[in-house]
All heavy atoms as atom14 arrays in JSON, in Angstrom:
{
  "sequence": "RIIASKGLISLKVRDVAEAAECSIGSVYNE",
  "atom14_mask": [
    [1, 1, 1, 1, 1, 1, 1, 1, 1, 1, 1, 0, 0, 0],
    [1, 1, 1, 1, 1, 1, 1, 1, 0, 0, 0, 0, 0, 0],
    [1, 1, 1, 1, 1, 1, 1, 1, 0, 0, 0, 0, 0, 0],
    [1, 1, 1, 1, 1, 0, 0, 0, 0, 0, 0, 0, 0, 0],
    [1, 1, 1, 1, 1, 1, 0, 0, 0, 0, 0, 0, 0, 0],
    [1, 1, 1, 1, 1, 1, 1, 1, 1, 0, 0, 0, 0, 0],
    [1, 1, 1, 1, 0, 0, 0, 0, 0, 0, 0, 0, 0, 0],
    [1, 1, 1, 1, 1, 1, 1, 1, 0, 0, 0, 0, 0, 0],
    [1, 1, 1, 1, 1, 1, 1, 1, 0, 0, 0, 0, 0, 0],
    [1, 1, 1, 1, 1, 1, 0, 0, 0, 0, 0, 0, 0, 0],
    [1, 1, 1, 1, 1, 1, 1, 1, 0, 0, 0, 0, 0, 0],
    [1, 1, 1, 1, 1, 1, 1, 1, 1, 0, 0, 0, 0, 0],
    [1, 1, 1, 1, 1, 1, 1, 0, 0, 0, 0, 0, 0, 0],
    [1, 1, 1, 1, 1, 1, 1, 1, 1, 1, 1, 0, 0, 0],
    [1, 1, 1, 1, 1, 1, 1, 1, 0, 0, 0, 0, 0, 0],
    [1, 1, 1, 1, 1, 1, 1, 0, 0, 0, 0, 0, 0, 0],
    [1, 1, 1, 1, 1, 0, 0, 0, 0, 0, 0, 0, 0, 0],
    [1, 1, 1, 1, 1, 1, 1, 1, 1, 0, 0, 0, 0, 0],
    [1, 1, 1, 1, 1, 0, 0, 0, 0, 0, 0, 0, 0, 0],
    [1, 1, 1, 1, 1, 0, 0, 0, 0, 0, 0, 0, 0, 0],
    [1, 1, 1, 1, 1, 1, 1, 1, 1, 0, 0, 0, 0, 0],
    [1, 1, 1, 1, 1, 1, 0, 0, 0, 0, 0, 0, 0, 0],
    [1, 1, 1, 1, 1, 1, 0, 0, 0, 0, 0, 0, 0, 0],
    [1, 1, 1, 1, 1, 1, 1, 1, 0, 0, 0, 0, 0, 0],
    [1, 1, 1, 1, 0, 0, 0, 0, 0, 0, 0, 0, 0, 0],
    [1, 1, 1, 1, 1, 1, 0, 0, 0, 0, 0, 0, 0, 0],
    [1, 1, 1, 1, 1, 1, 1, 0, 0, 0, 0, 0, 0, 0],
    [1, 1, 1, 1, 1, 1, 1, 1, 1, 1, 1, 1, 0, 0],
    [1, 1, 1, 1, 1, 1, 1, 1, 0, 0, 0, 0, 0, 0],
    [1, 1, 1, 1, 1, 1, 1, 1, 1, 0, 0, 0, 0, 0]
  ],
  "atom14_positions": [
    [[4.13, 6.72, -4.0], [4.42, 7.79, -3.03], [5.19, 7.26, -1.83], [6.15, 7.87, -1.37], [3.11, 8.44, -2.58], [3.05, 9.92, -2.78], [1.79, 10.61, -2.31], [0.69, 9.83, -1.78], [-0.36, 9.4, -2.49], [-0.45, 9.67, -3.77], [-1.32, 8.71, -1.92], [0.0, 0.0, 0.0], [0.0, 0.0, 0.0], [0.0, 0.0, 0.0]],
    [[4.76, 6.11, -1.32], [5.43, 5.51, -0.15], [6.87, 5.14, -0.51], [7.81, 5.47, 0.23], [4.66, 4.27, 0.37], [3.33, 4.7, 1.0], [5.51, 3.48, 1.37], [2.39, 3.54, 1.32], [0.0, 0.0, 0.0], [0.0, 0.0, 0.0], [0.0, 0.0, 0.0], [0.0, 0.0, 0.0], [0.0, 0.0, 0.0], [0.0, 0.0, 0.0]],
    [[7.06, 4.48, -1.64], [8.41, 4.1, -2.04], [9.26, 5.34, -2.25], [10.4, 5.42, -1.79], [8.39, 3.22, -3.32], [7.73, 1.87, -3.02], [9.81, 3.02, -3.84], [7.48, 1.02, -4.25], [0.0, 0.0, 0.0], [0.0, 0.0, 0.0], [0.0, 0.0, 0.0], [0.0, 0.0, 0.0], [0.0, 0.0, 0.0], [0.0, 0.0, 0.0]],
    [[8.72, 6.33, -2.95], [9.48, 7.55, -3.25], [9.89, 8.3, -1.99], [11.0, 8.82, -1.91], [8.68, 8.47, -4.17], [0.0, 0.0, 0.0], [0.0, 0.0, 0.0], [0.0, 0.0, 0.0], [0.0, 0.0, 0.0], [0.0, 0.0, 0.0], [0.0, 0.0, 0.0], [0.0, 0.0, 0.0], [0.0, 0.0, 0.0], [0.0, 0.0, 0.0]],
    [[9.01, 8.33, -1.0], [9.32, 9.12, 0.19], [10.05, 8.35, 1.28], [10.9, 8.9, 1.97], [8.04, 9.74, 0.77], [7.17, 8.72, 1.22], [0.0, 0.0, 0.0], [0.0, 0.0, 0.0], [0.0, 0.0, 0.0], [0.0, 0.0, 0.0], [0.0, 0.0, 0.0], [0.0, 0.0, 0.0], [0.0, 0.0, 0.0], [0.0, 0.0, 0.0]],
    [[9.76, 7.06, 1.43], [10.32, 6.3, 2.55], [11.15, 5.09, 2.15], [11.75, 4.45, 3.0], [9.18, 5.82, 3.45], [8.34, 6.93, 4.05], [7.21, 6.33, 4.86], [6.25, 7.39, 5.35], [5.1, 6.8, 6.04], [0.0, 0.0, 0.0], [0.0, 0.0, 0.0], [0.0, 0.0, 0.0], [0.0, 0.0, 0.0], [0.0, 0.0, 0.0]],
    [[11.12, 4.74, 0.88], [11.87, 3.58, 0.42], [11.03, 2.32, 0.37], [9.97, 2.23, 1.0], [0.0, 0.0, 0.0], [0.0, 0.0, 0.0], [0.0, 0.0, 0.0], [0.0, 0.0, 0.0], [0.0, 0.0, 0.0], [0.0, 0.0, 0.0], [0.0, 0.0, 0.0], [0.0, 0.0, 0.0], [0.0, 0.0, 0.0], [0.0, 0.0, 0.0]],
    [[11.51, 1.36, -0.39], [10.8, 0.1, -0.6], [10.52, -0.63, 0.71], [9.46, -1.21, 0.89], [11.61, -0.81, -1.54], [11.02, -2.17, -1.86], [9.67, -2.03, -2.56], [11.98, -2.97, -2.73], [0.0, 0.0, 0.0], [0.0, 0.0, 0.0], [0.0, 0.0, 0.0], [0.0, 0.0, 0.0], [0.0, 0.0, 0.0], [0.0, 0.0, 0.0]],
    [[11.45, -0.56, 1.63], [11.31, -1.28, 2.9], [10.07, -0.82, 3.68], [9.51, -1.56, 4.48], [12.58, -1.17, 3.76], [12.54, -2.18, 4.87], [12.77, 0.21, 4.3], [13.85, -2.89, 5.07], [0.0, 0.0, 0.0], [0.0, 0.0, 0.0], [0.0, 0.0, 0.0], [0.0, 0.0, 0.0], [0.0, 0.0, 0.0], [0.0, 0.0, 0.0]],
    [[9.61, 0.39, 3.42], [8.46, 0.94, 4.14], [7.13, 0.58, 3.49], [6.08, 0.88, 4.05], [8.57, 2.46, 4.21], [9.72, 2.82, 4.95], [0.0, 0.0, 0.0], [0.0, 0.0, 0.0], [0.0, 0.0, 0.0], [0.0, 0.0, 0.0], [0.0, 0.0, 0.0], [0.0, 0.0, 0.0], [0.0, 0.0, 0.0], [0.0, 0.0, 0.0]],
    [[7.17, -0.02, 2.32], [5.93, -0.35, 1.62], [5.26, -1.57, 2.26], [5.85, -2.63, 2.34], [6.21, -0.62, 0.14], [4.98, -0.88, -0.72], [4.1, 0.38, -0.8], [5.38, -1.34, -2.11], [0.0, 0.0, 0.0], [0.0, 0.0, 0.0], [0.0, 0.0, 0.0], [0.0, 0.0, 0.0], [0.0, 0.0, 0.0], [0.0, 0.0, 0.0]],
    [[4.03, -1.38, 2.7], [3.21, -2.45, 3.29], [1.86, -2.44, 2.6], [1.25, -1.37, 2.4], [3.0, -2.22, 4.79], [4.29, -1.97, 5.58], [5.07, -3.24, 5.78], [6.28, -3.02, 6.65], [7.53, -2.91, 5.97], [0.0, 0.0, 0.0], [0.0, 0.0, 0.0], [0.0, 0.0, 0.0], [0.0, 0.0, 0.0], [0.0, 0.0, 0.0]],
    [[1.37, -3.6, 2.25], [0.07, -3.7, 1.58], [-1.01, -3.06, 2.44], [-1.89, -2.36, 1.93], [-0.27, -5.18, 1.26], [-1.69, -5.31, 0.71], [0.73, -5.76, 0.28], [0.0, 0.0, 0.0], [0.0, 0.0, 0.0], [0.0, 0.0, 0.0], [0.0, 0.0, 0.0], [0.0, 0.0, 0.0], [0.0, 0.0, 0.0], [0.0, 0.0, 0.0]],
    [[-0.93, -3.25, 3.72], [-1.93, -2.69, 4.65], [-1.99, -1.16, 4.51], [-3.06, -0.58, 4.44], [-1.58, -3.1, 6.08], [-2.45, -2.5, 7.16], [-1.96, -2.86, 8.58], [-0.7, -2.18, 8.9], [0.51, -2.73, 8.94], [0.67, -4.0, 8.69], [1.58, -2.03, 9.24], [0.0, 0.0, 0.0], [0.0, 0.0, 0.0], [0.0, 0.0, 0.0]],
    [[-0.82, -0.51, 4.43], [-0.77, 0.94, 4.29], [-1.34, 1.4, 2.95], [-2.01, 2.43, 2.88], [0.66, 1.45, 4.45], [1.22, 1.18, 5.84], [0.43, 0.99, 6.8], [2.47, 1.16, 5.97], [0.0, 0.0, 0.0], [0.0, 0.0, 0.0], [0.0, 0.0, 0.0], [0.0, 0.0, 0.0], [0.0, 0.0, 0.0], [0.0, 0.0, 0.0]],
    [[-1.05, 0.65, 1.9], [-1.58, 0.99, 0.58], [-3.1, 0.89, 0.58], [-3.8, 1.8, 0.13], [-0.98, 0.08, -0.52], [-1.69, 0.27, -1.85], [0.51, 0.32, -0.66], [0.0, 0.0, 0.0], [0.0, 0.0, 0.0], [0.0, 0.0, 0.0], [0.0, 0.0, 0.0], [0.0, 0.0, 0.0], [0.0, 0.0, 0.0], [0.0, 0.0, 0.0]],
    [[-3.62, -0.21, 1.13], [-5.07, -0.4, 1.19], [-5.74, 0.69, 2.02], [-6.75, 1.26, 1.61], [-5.4, -1.78, 1.75], [0.0, 0.0, 0.0], [0.0, 0.0, 0.0], [0.0, 0.0, 0.0], [0.0, 0.0, 0.0], [0.0, 0.0, 0.0], [0.0, 0.0, 0.0], [0.0, 0.0, 0.0], [0.0, 0.0, 0.0], [0.0, 0.0, 0.0]],
    [[-5.15, 1.0, 3.15], [-5.72, 2.03, 4.03], [-5.74, 3.4, 3.33], [-6.75, 4.09, 3.34], [-4.9, 2.11, 5.31], [-5.51, 2.96, 6.4], [-4.66, 2.89, 7.67], [-4.6, 1.8, 8.27], [-4.07, 3.94, 8.02], [0.0, 0.0, 0.0], [0.0, 0.0, 0.0], [0.0, 0.0, 0.0], [0.0, 0.0, 0.0], [0.0, 0.0, 0.0]],
    [[-4.64, 3.77, 2.71], [-4.56, 5.07, 2.04], [-5.48, 5.14, 0.82], [-6.03, 6.19, 0.51], [-3.13, 5.37, 1.62], [0.0, 0.0, 0.0], [0.0, 0.0, 0.0], [0.0, 0.0, 0.0], [0.0, 0.0, 0.0], [0.0, 0.0, 0.0], [0.0, 0.0, 0.0], [0.0, 0.0, 0.0], [0.0, 0.0, 0.0], [0.0, 0.0, 0.0]],
    [[-5.66, 4.02, 0.15], [-6.53, 3.97, -1.02], [-7.99, 3.7, -0.64], [-8.85, 3.6, -1.51], [-6.04, 2.9, -1.99], [0.0, 0.0, 0.0], [0.0, 0.0, 0.0], [0.0, 0.0, 0.0], [0.0, 0.0, 0.0], [0.0, 0.0, 0.0], [0.0, 0.0, 0.0], [0.0, 0.0, 0.0], [0.0, 0.0, 0.0], [0.0, 0.0, 0.0]],
    [[-8.23, 3.57, 0.65], [-9.57, 3.3, 1.18], [-10.21, 2.09, 0.53], [-11.32, 2.12, 0.03], [-10.46, 4.55, 1.02], [-9.93, 5.75, 1.78], [-10.78, 7.0, 1.57], [-11.71, 6.99, 0.75], [-10.48, 7.99, 2.27], [0.0, 0.0, 0.0], [0.0, 0.0, 0.0], [0.0, 0.0, 0.0], [0.0, 0.0, 0.0], [0.0, 0.0, 0.0]],
    [[-9.44, 1.0, 0.56], [-9.95, -0.27, 0.04], [-9.44, -1.39, 0.95], [-8.68, -1.14, 1.88], [-9.49, -0.48, -1.4], [-7.72, -0.7, -1.63], [0.0, 0.0, 0.0], [0.0, 0.0, 0.0], [0.0, 0.0, 0.0], [0.0, 0.0, 0.0], [0.0, 0.0, 0.0], [0.0, 0.0, 0.0], [0.0, 0.0, 0.0], [0.0, 0.0, 0.0]],
    [[-9.84, -2.59, 0.65], [-9.39, -3.72, 1.46], [-8.04, -4.23, 0.95], [-7.64, -3.96, -0.18], [-10.41, -4.86, 1.38], [-10.42, -5.41, 0.07], [0.0, 0.0, 0.0], [0.0, 0.0, 0.0], [0.0, 0.0, 0.0], [0.0, 0.0, 0.0], [0.0, 0.0, 0.0], [0.0, 0.0, 0.0], [0.0, 0.0, 0.0], [0.0, 0.0, 0.0]],
    [[-7.36, -4.97, 1.81], [-6.1, -5.59, 1.41], [-6.36, -6.54, 0.24], [-5.58, -6.6, -0.7], [-5.46, -6.34, 2.62], [-4.96, -5.31, 3.64], [-4.32, -7.24, 2.16], [-4.45, -5.91, 4.94], [0.0, 0.0, 0.0], [0.0, 0.0, 0.0], [0.0, 0.0, 0.0], [0.0, 0.0, 0.0], [0.0, 0.0, 0.0], [0.0, 0.0, 0.0]],
    [[-7.47, -7.22, 0.28], [-7.85, -8.12, -0.81], [-7.95, -7.4, -2.15], [-7.61, -7.96, -3.19], [0.0, 0.0, 0.0], [0.0, 0.0, 0.0], [0.0, 0.0, 0.0], [0.0, 0.0, 0.0], [0.0, 0.0, 0.0], [0.0, 0.0, 0.0], [0.0, 0.0, 0.0], [0.0, 0.0, 0.0], [0.0, 0.0, 0.0], [0.0, 0.0, 0.0]],
    [[-8.42, -6.16, -2.11], [-8.53, -5.38, -3.36], [-7.16, -5.13, -3.98], [-6.99, -5.15, -5.19], [-9.22, -4.04, -3.1], [-10.55, -4.25, -2.7], [0.0, 0.0, 0.0], [0.0, 0.0, 0.0], [0.0, 0.0, 0.0], [0.0, 0.0, 0.0], [0.0, 0.0, 0.0], [0.0, 0.0, 0.0], [0.0, 0.0, 0.0], [0.0, 0.0, 0.0]],
    [[-6.16, -4.9, -3.12], [-4.8, -4.69, -3.62], [-4.33, -5.98, -4.31], [-3.78, -5.93, -5.42], [-3.83, -4.28, -2.49], [-2.4, -4.16, -3.0], [-4.29, -2.98, -1.83], [0.0, 0.0, 0.0], [0.0, 0.0, 0.0], [0.0, 0.0, 0.0], [0.0, 0.0, 0.0], [0.0, 0.0, 0.0], [0.0, 0.0, 0.0], [0.0, 0.0, 0.0]],
    [[-4.55, -7.11, -3.66], [-4.13, -8.39, -4.25], [-4.92, -8.71, -5.51], [-4.37, -9.25, -6.47], [-4.23, -9.52, -3.23], [-3.16, -9.44, -2.17], [-3.46, -9.15, -0.84], [-1.82, -9.64, -2.5], [-2.47, -9.06, 0.12], [-0.82, -9.55, -1.53], [-1.16, -9.27, -0.24], [-0.17, -9.18, 0.71], [0.0, 0.0, 0.0], [0.0, 0.0, 0.0]],
    [[-6.2, -8.37, -5.53], [-7.0, -8.6, -6.74], [-6.48, -7.78, -7.91], [-6.47, -8.24, -9.05], [-8.48, -8.26, -6.5], [-9.19, -9.3, -5.67], [-8.76, -10.46, -5.62], [-10.26, -8.91, -5.03], [0.0, 0.0, 0.0], [0.0, 0.0, 0.0], [0.0, 0.0, 0.0], [0.0, 0.0, 0.0], [0.0, 0.0, 0.0], [0.0, 0.0, 0.0]],
    [[-6.05, -6.57, -7.63], [-5.56, -5.67, -8.68], [-4.17, -6.06, -9.18], [-3.89, -5.98, -10.38], [-5.54, -4.23, -8.15], [-5.1, -3.2, -9.14], [-6.1, -2.97, -10.28], [-7.3, -3.22, -10.09], [-5.65, -2.54, -11.36], [0.0, 0.0, 0.0], [0.0, 0.0, 0.0], [0.0, 0.0, 0.0], [0.0, 0.0, 0.0], [0.0, 0.0, 0.0]]
  ]
}
């Protein structure tokens, strides 16, 4: 969703983790 709406440059792991209600570590684990 972030890439589609704002572009790759706007993608931040922190934002993904926050929106998915998980930790940054969970994103890296996945």
